[in-house]
Amino acid sequence: MNITLNGNSRAVGAKATVTTLVSQVTGRALASNGHAADGQRLGVAIARNSELVPRSHWHSTALAEGDEIELLTAIQGG
């Protein structure tokens, strides 16, 4: 299945969820609550088709053909 991630086309598995995608992009394992399994901060927010997906819903939010996903990362700076 194909989605758009931050403006770029990306293929994902047929049963992919937001959790699956975030784990693939960040290279980190995630718990079902959306937090990093290693206990460290993840610093990521997700919008699916212009709507924020709460971290608590990442595991249950299935991706669909043509979804437009924005993955935002927090950065420090001034």
PDB file of N, CA and C in Angstrom:
ATOM      1  N   MET A   1       0.853  -1.163   0.000  1.00  0.00           N
ATOM      2  CA  MET A   1       0.000   0.000   0.000  1.00  0.00           C
ATOM      3  C   MET A   1       0.901   1.228   0.000  1.00  0.00           C
ATOM      4  N   ASN A   2       0.431   2.304  -0.608  1.00  0.00           N
ATOM      5  CA  ASN A   2       1.221   3.524  -0.717  1.00  0.00           C
ATOM      6  C   ASN A   2       0.595   4.671   0.065  1.00  0.00           C
ATOM      7  N   ILE A   3       1.439   5.378   0.799  1.00  0.00           N
ATOM      8  CA  ILE A   3       1.031   6.565   1.541  1.00  0.00           C
ATOM      9  C   ILE A   3       1.986   7.694   1.155  1.00  0.00           C
ATOM     10  N   THR A   4       1.692   8.882   1.626  1.00  0.00           N
ATOM     11  CA  THR A   4       2.608   9.997   1.480  1.00  0.00           C
ATOM     12  C   THR A   4       3.100  10.358   2.873  1.00  0.00           C
ATOM     13  N   LEU A   5       4.416  10.359   3.048  1.00  0.00           N
ATOM     14  CA  LEU A   5       5.029  10.685   4.336  1.00  0.00           C
ATOM     15  C   LEU A   5       5.875  11.938   4.154  1.00  0.00           C
ATOM     16  N   ASN A   6       5.459  13.005   4.809  1.00  0.00           N
ATOM     17  CA  ASN A   6       6.171  14.282   4.718  1.00  0.00           C
ATOM     18  C   ASN A   6       6.415  14.687   3.261  1.00  0.00           C
ATOM     19  N   GLY A   7       5.392  14.471   2.422  1.00  0.00           N
ATOM     20  CA  GLY A   7       5.456  14.887   1.029  1.00  0.00           C
ATOM     21  C   GLY A   7       6.098  13.899   0.074  1.00  0.00           C
ATOM     22  N   ASN A   8       6.574  12.767   0.584  1.00  0.00           N
ATOM     23  CA  ASN A   8       7.230  11.758  -0.247  1.00  0.00           C
ATOM     24  C   ASN A   8       6.436  10.462  -0.252  1.00  0.00           C
ATOM     25  N   SER A   9       6.346   9.825  -1.408  1.00  0.00           N
ATOM     26  CA  SER A   9       5.648   8.550  -1.525  1.00  0.00           C
ATOM     27  C   SER A   9       6.414   7.484  -0.754  1.00  0.00           C
ATOM     28  N   ARG A  10       5.669   6.617  -0.083  1.00  0.00           N
ATOM     29  CA  ARG A  10       6.296   5.545   0.706  1.00  0.00           C
ATOM     30  C   ARG A  10       5.381   4.326   0.694  1.00  0.00           C
ATOM     31  N   ALA A  11       5.956   3.168   0.474  1.00  0.00           N
ATOM     32  CA  ALA A  11       5.208   1.914   0.537  1.00  0.00           C
ATOM     33  C   ALA A  11       5.252   1.381   1.964  1.00  0.00           C
ATOM     34  N   VAL A  12       4.105   0.902   2.443  1.00  0.00           N
ATOM     35  CA  VAL A  12       4.010   0.288   3.772  1.00  0.00           C
ATOM     36  C   VAL A  12       3.228  -1.006   3.645  1.00  0.00           C
ATOM     37  N   GLY A  13       3.339  -1.857   4.640  1.00  0.00           N
ATOM     38  CA  GLY A  13       2.623  -3.120   4.639  1.00  0.00           C
ATOM     39  C   GLY A  13       1.113  -2.929   4.706  1.00  0.00           C
ATOM     40  N   ALA A  14       0.380  -3.920   4.252  1.00  0.00           N
ATOM     41  CA  ALA A  14      -1.078  -3.849   4.172  1.00  0.00           C
ATOM     42  C   ALA A  14      -1.746  -3.621   5.525  1.00  0.00           C
ATOM     43  N   LYS A  15      -1.135  -4.073   6.601  1.00  0.00           N
ATOM     44  CA  LYS A  15      -1.737  -3.922   7.936  1.00  0.00           C
ATOM     45  C   LYS A  15      -0.968  -2.926   8.795  1.00  0.00           C
ATOM     46  N   ALA A  16      -0.278  -2.000   8.156  1.00  0.00           N
ATOM     47  CA  ALA A  16       0.546  -1.032   8.889  1.00  0.00           C
ATOM     48  C   ALA A  16      -0.318  -0.095   9.719  1.00  0.00           C
ATOM     49  N   THR A  17       0.203   0.261  10.887  1.00  0.00           N
ATOM     50  CA  THR A  17      -0.435   1.237  11.766  1.00  0.00           C
ATOM     51  C   THR A  17       0.512   2.426  11.917  1.00  0.00           C
ATOM     52  N   VAL A  18       0.053   3.457  12.583  1.00  0.00           N
ATOM     53  CA  VAL A  18       0.923   4.589  12.875  1.00  0.00           C
ATOM     54  C   VAL A  18       2.128   4.115  13.684  1.00  0.00           C
ATOM     55  N   THR A  19       1.919   3.234  14.644  1.00  0.00           N
ATOM     56  CA  THR A  19       3.027   2.698  15.439  1.00  0.00           C
ATOM     57  C   THR A  19       4.062   2.027  14.545  1.00  0.00           C
ATOM     58  N   THR A  20       3.614   1.213  13.606  1.00  0.00           N
ATOM     59  CA  THR A  20       4.513   0.530  12.680  1.00  0.00           C
ATOM     60  C   THR A  20       5.361   1.544  11.920  1.00  0.00           C
ATOM     61  N   LEU A  21       4.704   2.567  11.394  1.00  0.00           N
ATOM     62  CA  LEU A  21       5.403   3.584  10.606  1.00  0.00           C
ATOM     63  C   LEU A  21       6.423   4.346  11.444  1.00  0.00           C
ATOM     64  N   VAL A  22       6.017   4.797  12.625  1.00  0.00           N
ATOM     65  CA  VAL A  22       6.934   5.557  13.483  1.00  0.00           C
ATOM     66  C   VAL A  22       8.137   4.701  13.865  1.00  0.00           C
ATOM     67  N   SER A  23       7.906   3.447  14.164  1.00  0.00           N
ATOM     68  CA  SER A  23       8.999   2.542  14.514  1.00  0.00           C
ATOM     69  C   SER A  23       9.967   2.373  13.345  1.00  0.00           C
ATOM     70  N   GLN A  24       9.438   2.228  12.131  1.00  0.00           N
ATOM     71  CA  GLN A  24      10.290   2.087  10.949  1.00  0.00           C
ATOM     72  C   GLN A  24      11.107   3.353  10.702  1.00  0.00           C
ATOM     73  N   VAL A  25      10.470   4.502  10.808  1.00  0.00           N
ATOM     74  CA  VAL A  25      11.139   5.769  10.511  1.00  0.00           C
ATOM     75  C   VAL A  25      12.196   6.108  11.561  1.00  0.00           C
ATOM     76  N   THR A  26      11.872   5.878  12.822  1.00  0.00           N
ATOM     77  CA  THR A  26      12.797   6.251  13.897  1.00  0.00           C
ATOM     78  C   THR A  26      13.806   5.154  14.217  1.00  0.00           C
ATOM     79  N   GLY A  27      13.518   3.927  13.803  1.00  0.00           N
ATOM     80  CA  GLY A  27      14.400   2.809  14.120  1.00  0.00           C
ATOM     81  C   GLY A  27      14.310   2.373  15.570  1.00  0.00           C
ATOM     82  N   ARG A  28      13.217   2.741  16.230  1.00  0.00           N
ATOM     83  CA  ARG A  28      13.058   2.413  17.656  1.00  0.00           C
ATOM     84  C   ARG A  28      11.804   1.589  17.872  1.00  0.00           C
ATOM     85  N   ALA A  29      11.886   0.651  18.798  1.00  0.00           N
ATOM     86  CA  ALA A  29      10.720  -0.146  19.177  1.00  0.00           C
ATOM     87  C   ALA A  29       9.788   0.716  20.013  1.00  0.00           C
ATOM     88  N   LEU A  30       8.476   0.553  19.777  1.00  0.00           N
ATOM     89  CA  LEU A  30       7.478   1.323  20.522  1.00  0.00           C
ATOM     90  C   LEU A  30       6.557   0.395  21.292  1.00  0.00           C
ATOM     91  N   ALA A  31       6.166   0.835  22.464  1.00  0.00           N
ATOM     92  CA  ALA A  31       5.167   0.117  23.262  1.00  0.00           C
ATOM     93  C   ALA A  31       3.789   0.426  22.672  1.00  0.00           C
ATOM     94  N   SER A  32       2.775  -0.315  23.090  1.00  0.00           N
ATOM     95  CA  SER A  32       1.431  -0.116  22.552  1.00  0.00           C
ATOM     96  C   SER A  32       0.851   1.254  22.905  1.00  0.00           C
ATOM     97  N   ASN A  33       1.427   1.943  23.889  1.00  0.00           N
ATOM     98  CA  ASN A  33       0.951   3.279  24.250  1.00  0.00           C
ATOM     99  C   ASN A  33       1.633   4.378  23.428  1.00  0.00           C
ATOM    100  N   GLY A  34       2.500   3.986  22.485  1.00  0.00           N
ATOM    101  CA  GLY A  34       3.165   4.944  21.612  1.00  0.00           C
ATOM    102  C   GLY A  34       4.473   5.488  22.137  1.00  0.00           C
ATOM    103  N   HIS A  35       4.831   5.136  23.348  1.00  0.00           N
ATOM    104  CA  HIS A  35       6.093   5.602  23.913  1.00  0.00           C
ATOM    105  C   HIS A  35       7.220   4.646  23.520  1.00  0.00           C
ATOM    106  N   ALA A  36       8.422   5.163  23.472  1.00  0.00           N
ATOM    107  CA  ALA A  36       9.577   4.341  23.129  1.00  0.00           C
ATOM    108  C   ALA A  36       9.750   3.233  24.162  1.00  0.00           C
ATOM    109  N   ALA A  37       9.991   2.021  23.688  1.00  0.00           N
ATOM    110  CA  ALA A  37      10.137   0.870  24.578  1.00  0.00           C
ATOM    111  C   ALA A  37      11.359   1.001  25.483  1.00  0.00           C
ATOM    112  N   ASP A  38      12.356   1.802  25.054  1.00  0.00           N
ATOM    113  CA  ASP A  38      13.558   1.968  25.874  1.00  0.00           C
ATOM    114  C   ASP A  38      13.383   3.004  26.984  1.00  0.00           C
ATOM    115  N   GLY A  39      12.193   3.625  27.064  1.00  0.00           N
ATOM    116  CA  GLY A  39      11.911   4.591  28.123  1.00  0.00           C
ATOM    117  C   GLY A  39      12.407   5.999  27.843  1.00  0.00           C
ATOM    118  N   GLN A  40      13.149   6.180  26.761  1.00  0.00           N
ATOM    119  CA  GLN A  40      13.653   7.499  26.400  1.00  0.00           C
ATOM    120  C   GLN A  40      12.561   8.295  25.669  1.00  0.00           C
ATOM    121  N   ARG A  41      12.720   9.602  25.629  1.00  0.00           N
ATOM    122  CA  ARG A  41      11.761  10.442  24.919  1.00  0.00           C
ATOM    123  C   ARG A  41      11.832  10.178  23.422  1.00  0.00           C
ATOM    124  N   LEU A  42      10.679  10.224  22.801  1.00  0.00           N
ATOM    125  CA  LEU A  42      10.600   9.987  21.369  1.00  0.00           C
ATOM    126  C   LEU A  42      10.592  11.306  20.600  1.00  0.00           C
ATOM    127  N   GLY A  43       9.876  12.314  21.091  1.00  0.00           N
ATOM    128  CA  GLY A  43       9.863  13.623  20.452  1.00  0.00           C
ATOM    129  C   GLY A  43       9.236  13.637  19.082  1.00  0.00           C
ATOM    130  N   VAL A  44       8.149  12.882  18.893  1.00  0.00           N
ATOM    131  CA  VAL A  44       7.501  12.771  17.587  1.00  0.00           C
ATOM    132  C   VAL A  44       6.004  13.033  17.736  1.00  0.00           C
ATOM    133  N   ALA A  45       5.444  13.736  16.748  1.00  0.00           N
ATOM    134  CA  ALA A  45       3.993  13.920  16.648  1.00  0.00           C
ATOM    135  C   ALA A  45       3.578  13.496  15.236  1.00  0.00           C
ATOM    136  N   ILE A  46       2.356  12.993  15.120  1.00  0.00           N
ATOM    137  CA  ILE A  46       1.854  12.491  13.837  1.00  0.00           C
ATOM    138  C   ILE A  46       0.524  13.146  13.492  1.00  0.00           C
ATOM    139  N   ALA A  47       0.425  13.577  12.234  1.00  0.00           N
ATOM    140  CA  ALA A  47      -0.856  14.022  11.681  1.00  0.00           C
ATOM    141  C   ALA A  47      -1.189  13.094  10.518  1.00  0.00           C
ATOM    142  N   ARG A  48      -2.421  12.615  10.497  1.00  0.00           N
ATOM    143  CA  ARG A  48      -2.894  11.748   9.412  1.00  0.00           C
ATOM    144  C   ARG A  48      -4.022  12.482   8.707  1.00  0.00           C
ATOM    145  N   ASN A  49      -3.826  12.755   7.444  1.00  0.00           N
ATOM    146  CA  ASN A  49      -4.815  13.500   6.657  1.00  0.00           C
ATOM    147  C   ASN A  49      -5.218  14.789   7.364  1.00  0.00           C
ATOM    148  N   SER A  50      -4.201  15.510   7.832  1.00  0.00           N
ATOM    149  CA  SER A  50      -4.319  16.831   8.474  1.00  0.00           C
ATOM    150  C   SER A  50      -4.949  16.805   9.863  1.00  0.00           C
ATOM    151  N   GLU A  51      -5.085  15.632  10.466  1.00  0.00           N
ATOM    152  CA  GLU A  51      -5.635  15.532  11.825  1.00  0.00           C
ATOM    153  C   GLU A  51      -4.605  14.888  12.743  1.00  0.00           C
ATOM    154  N   LEU A  52      -4.364  15.534  13.876  1.00  0.00           N
ATOM    155  CA  LEU A  52      -3.432  14.999  14.854  1.00  0.00           C
ATOM    156  C   LEU A  52      -3.907  13.639  15.347  1.00  0.00           C
ATOM    157  N   VAL A  53      -2.993  12.684  15.418  1.00  0.00           N
ATOM    158  CA  VAL A  53      -3.308  11.357  15.968  1.00  0.00           C
ATOM    159  C   VAL A  53      -2.691  11.298  17.355  1.00  0.00           C
ATOM    160  N   PRO A  54      -3.511  11.241  18.411  1.00  0.00           N
ATOM    161  CA  PRO A  54      -2.956  11.152  19.764  1.00  0.00           C
ATOM    162  C   PRO A  54      -2.071   9.910  19.904  1.00  0.00           C
ATOM    163  N   ARG A  55      -0.993  10.061  20.615  1.00  0.00           N
ATOM    164  CA  ARG A  55      -0.045   8.952  20.812  1.00  0.00           C
ATOM    165  C   ARG A  55      -0.758   7.700  21.333  1.00  0.00           C
ATOM    166  N   SER A  56      -1.741   7.864  22.179  1.00  0.00           N
ATOM    167  CA  SER A  56      -2.471   6.718  22.735  1.00  0.00           C
ATOM    168  C   SER A  56      -3.276   5.969  21.670  1.00  0.00           C
ATOM    169  N   HIS A  57      -3.444   6.550  20.487  1.00  0.00           N
ATOM    170  CA  HIS A  57      -4.207   5.905  19.407  1.00  0.00           C
ATOM    171  C   HIS A  57      -3.319   5.377  18.283  1.00  0.00           C
ATOM    172  N   TRP A  58      -2.006   5.594  18.376  1.00  0.00           N
ATOM    173  CA  TRP A  58      -1.118   5.158  17.300  1.00  0.00           C
ATOM    174  C   TRP A  58      -1.259   3.671  17.005  1.00  0.00           C
ATOM    175  N   HIS A  59      -1.320   2.860  18.056  1.00  0.00           N
ATOM    176  CA  HIS A  59      -1.374   1.406  17.891  1.00  0.00           C
ATOM    177  C   HIS A  59      -2.646   0.956  17.170  1.00  0.00           C
ATOM    178  N   SER A  60      -3.732   1.654  17.372  1.00  0.00           N
ATOM    179  CA  SER A  60      -5.016   1.252  16.786  1.00  0.00           C
ATOM    180  C   SER A  60      -5.383   2.023  15.518  1.00  0.00           C
ATOM    181  N   THR A  61      -4.514   2.931  15.078  1.00  0.00           N
ATOM    182  CA  THR A  61      -4.805   3.715  13.877  1.00  0.00           C
ATOM    183  C   THR A  61      -4.139   3.059  12.673  1.00  0.00           C
ATOM    184  N   ALA A  62      -4.970   2.364  11.881  1.00  0.00           N
ATOM    185  CA  ALA A  62      -4.474   1.694  10.682  1.00  0.00           C
ATOM    186  C   ALA A  62      -4.260   2.714   9.575  1.00  0.00           C
ATOM    187  N   LEU A  63      -3.195   2.515   8.820  1.00  0.00           N
ATOM    188  CA  LEU A  63      -2.958   3.357   7.660  1.00  0.00           C
ATOM    189  C   LEU A  63      -3.761   2.817   6.484  1.00  0.00           C
ATOM    190  N   ALA A  64      -4.150   3.715   5.589  1.00  0.00           N
ATOM    191  CA  ALA A  64      -4.945   3.328   4.423  1.00  0.00           C
ATOM    192  C   ALA A  64      -4.285   3.869   3.160  1.00  0.00           C
ATOM    193  N   GLU A  65      -4.548   3.223   2.065  1.00  0.00           N
ATOM    194  CA  GLU A  65      -4.032   3.652   0.768  1.00  0.00           C
ATOM    195  C   GLU A  65      -4.297   5.146   0.574  1.00  0.00           C
ATOM    196  N   GLY A  66      -3.249   5.872   0.207  1.00  0.00           N
ATOM    197  CA  GLY A  66      -3.390   7.291  -0.080  1.00  0.00           C
ATOM    198  C   GLY A  66      -3.334   8.218   1.114  1.00  0.00           C
ATOM    199  N   ASP A  67      -3.188   7.683   2.327  1.00  0.00           N
ATOM    200  CA  ASP A  67      -3.094   8.547   3.507  1.00  0.00           C
ATOM    201  C   ASP A  67      -1.937   9.526   3.342  1.00  0.00           C
ATOM    202  N   GLU A  68      -2.147  10.740   3.848  1.00  0.00           N
ATOM    203  CA  GLU A  68      -1.087  11.735   3.893  1.00  0.00           C
ATOM    204  C   GLU A  68      -0.668  11.895   5.344  1.00  0.00           C
ATOM    205  N   ILE A  69       0.560  11.501   5.629  1.00  0.00           N
ATOM    206  CA  ILE A  69       1.093  11.503   6.985  1.00  0.00           C
ATOM    207  C   ILE A  69       2.169  12.576   7.104  1.00  0.00           C
ATOM    208  N   GLU A  70       2.072  13.350   8.168  1.00  0.00           N
ATOM    209  CA  GLU A  70       3.140  14.284   8.523  1.00  0.00           C
ATOM    210  C   GLU A  70       3.735  13.800   9.838  1.00  0.00           C
ATOM    211  N   LEU A  71       5.027  13.522   9.833  1.00  0.00           N
ATOM    212  CA  LEU A  71       5.741  13.109  11.026  1.00  0.00           C
ATOM    213  C   LEU A  71       6.623  14.285  11.427  1.00  0.00           C
ATOM    214  N   LEU A  72       6.337  14.832  12.587  1.00  0.00           N
ATOM    215  CA  LEU A  72       7.056  15.996  13.084  1.00  0.00           C
ATOM    216  C   LEU A  72       7.931  15.601  14.249  1.00  0.00           C
ATOM    217  N   THR A  73       9.163  16.086  14.245  1.00  0.00           N
ATOM    218  CA  THR A  73      10.066  15.794  15.348  1.00  0.00           C
ATOM    219  C   THR A  73      10.400  17.078  16.094  1.00  0.00           C
ATOM    220  N   ALA A  74      10.476  16.953  17.391  1.00  0.00           N
ATOM    221  CA  ALA A  74      10.831  18.097  18.238  1.00  0.00           C
ATOM    222  C   ALA A  74      12.348  18.278  18.206  1.00  0.00           C
ATOM    223  N   ILE A  75      12.772  19.519  18.148  1.00  0.00           N
ATOM    224  CA  ILE A  75      14.204  19.815  18.207  1.00  0.00           C
ATOM    225  C   ILE A  75      14.433  20.941  19.199  1.00  0.00           C
ATOM    226  N   GLN A  76      15.588  20.937  19.802  1.00  0.00           N
ATOM    227  CA  GLN A  76      15.924  22.003  20.737  1.00  0.00           C
ATOM    228  C   GLN A  76      16.670  23.091  19.988  1.00  0.00           C
ATOM    229  N   GLY A  77      16.554  24.265  20.496  1.00  0.00           N
ATOM    230  CA  GLY A  77      17.291  25.342  19.864  1.00  0.00           C
ATOM    231  C   GLY A  77      16.675  26.673  20.242  1.00  0.00           C
ATOM    232  N   GLY A  78      17.266  27.701  19.760  1.00  0.00           N
ATOM    233  CA  GLY A  78      16.754  29.018  20.105  1.00  0.00           C
ATOM    234  C   GLY A  78      16.699  29.932  18.938  1.00  0.00           C
TER     235      GLY A  78
END
